[in-house]
Structure formats: structure tokens, C-alpha cells
Amino acid sequence: MLLRQLAPALGLQSADLLALAGIPIPDELAPLDATAGQLIPQLVDHAVFLPSEGRGELLRYVRSQPGPTWLN
């Protein structure tokens, strides 16, 4: 599909561009765990108490993961 090929040129993930276009996201592009986002507030609550080095390590790990390009 052309939109999937266009996404990287626009700095977007394919699934994000499909969603913006109102096109259903194929299963292979869907998140593996739809409930994982619910854990983000708890993760942030724990992360704020990490020492500076720990927060830096967490940030490097998050940036190394596939996801929206605005994280990088």
C-alpha cells in the first residue's frame, strides 16, 4: 500500500499514517498489547523517583524502541 511506503518519508509510523487517513490498521501493524497504555501513568509515577542516571537509562531505552518518531 502506498501510504505504508510514504510514512517513513513523512517521519511517521505506518500505523499512525493509516489512522490519520481513516484506514483500518492491519493486524500486523496493531500494538501487541492493547492494554499496555493503561500502565503508562504507573510507570511515570515510578520513573519520577529514579535517580538522574536511572531516568537517563529509561529514556535511552524508550528511545531505542520502535514507536512514534517524535520520541527520538
Protein backbone atom coordinates (compact mmCIF):
# COMPACT_ATOMS: atom_id res chain seq x y z
CA MET A 1 0.00 0.00 0.00
CA LEU A 2 1.35 3.40 -0.96
CA LEU A 3 0.64 5.01 2.42
CA ARG A 4 2.81 2.43 4.19
CA GLN A 5 5.70 3.32 1.88
CA LEU A 6 5.08 7.05 2.30
CA ALA A 7 5.01 7.01 6.11
CA PRO A 8 8.80 6.94 6.73
CA ALA A 9 9.33 9.84 4.31
CA LEU A 10 6.88 11.86 6.43
CA GLY A 11 8.55 10.83 9.68
CA LEU A 12 5.56 8.72 10.73
CA GLN A 13 4.94 5.11 11.59
CA SER A 14 2.80 3.31 9.01
CA ALA A 15 0.04 2.62 11.53
CA ASP A 16 -0.09 6.30 12.51
CA LEU A 17 -0.44 7.45 8.91
CA LEU A 18 -3.15 4.88 8.22
CA ALA A 19 -5.03 6.04 11.31
CA LEU A 20 -4.75 9.68 10.21
CA ALA A 21 -6.12 8.68 6.81
CA GLY A 22 -9.04 6.85 8.43
CA ILE A 23 -7.93 3.49 7.06
CA PRO A 24 -8.23 0.40 9.28
CA ILE A 25 -4.87 -0.69 10.68
CA PRO A 26 -3.88 -4.22 9.63
CA ASP A 27 -3.29 -6.72 12.42
CA GLU A 28 0.45 -6.89 11.71
CA LEU A 29 0.75 -3.15 12.48
CA ALA A 30 -1.52 -3.13 15.53
CA PRO A 31 0.03 -2.99 19.02
CA LEU A 32 0.74 -6.40 20.50
CA ASP A 33 -0.91 -5.49 23.80
CA ALA A 34 -3.78 -3.04 23.54
CA THR A 35 -3.93 -2.68 27.35
CA ALA A 36 -0.26 -1.71 27.78
CA GLY A 37 -1.06 2.00 27.51
CA GLN A 38 -3.01 1.80 30.74
CA LEU A 39 0.25 1.17 32.60
CA ILE A 40 1.91 4.42 31.49
CA PRO A 41 0.70 6.56 34.44
CA GLN A 42 2.05 3.98 36.90
CA LEU A 43 5.36 3.84 35.01
CA VAL A 44 5.66 7.63 35.18
CA ASP A 45 4.86 7.60 38.90
CA HIS A 46 7.77 5.21 39.44
CA ALA A 47 10.11 6.95 36.99
CA VAL A 48 9.97 10.33 38.74
CA PHE A 49 11.58 8.76 41.82
CA LEU A 50 14.51 7.28 39.89
CA PRO A 51 17.89 8.93 40.35
CA SER A 52 19.04 11.05 37.41
CA GLU A 53 21.12 8.19 35.98
CA GLY A 54 18.11 5.86 36.12
CA ARG A 55 15.89 8.34 34.33
CA GLY A 56 18.54 8.73 31.65
CA GLU A 57 18.79 4.98 31.23
CA LEU A 58 14.99 4.69 30.99
CA LEU A 59 14.87 7.47 28.38
CA ARG A 60 17.58 5.80 26.29
CA TYR A 61 15.68 2.51 26.46
CA VAL A 62 12.39 4.12 25.41
CA ARG A 63 14.07 5.93 22.53
CA SER A 64 15.60 2.66 21.32
CA GLN A 65 12.16 1.06 20.95
CA PRO A 66 10.11 1.21 17.74
CA GLY A 67 7.42 3.81 18.00
CA PRO A 68 6.45 7.32 17.03
CA THR A 69 9.35 9.27 15.59
CA TRP A 70 8.67 12.24 17.90
CA LEU A 71 10.15 10.16 20.73
CA ASN A 72 13.58 10.26 19.13
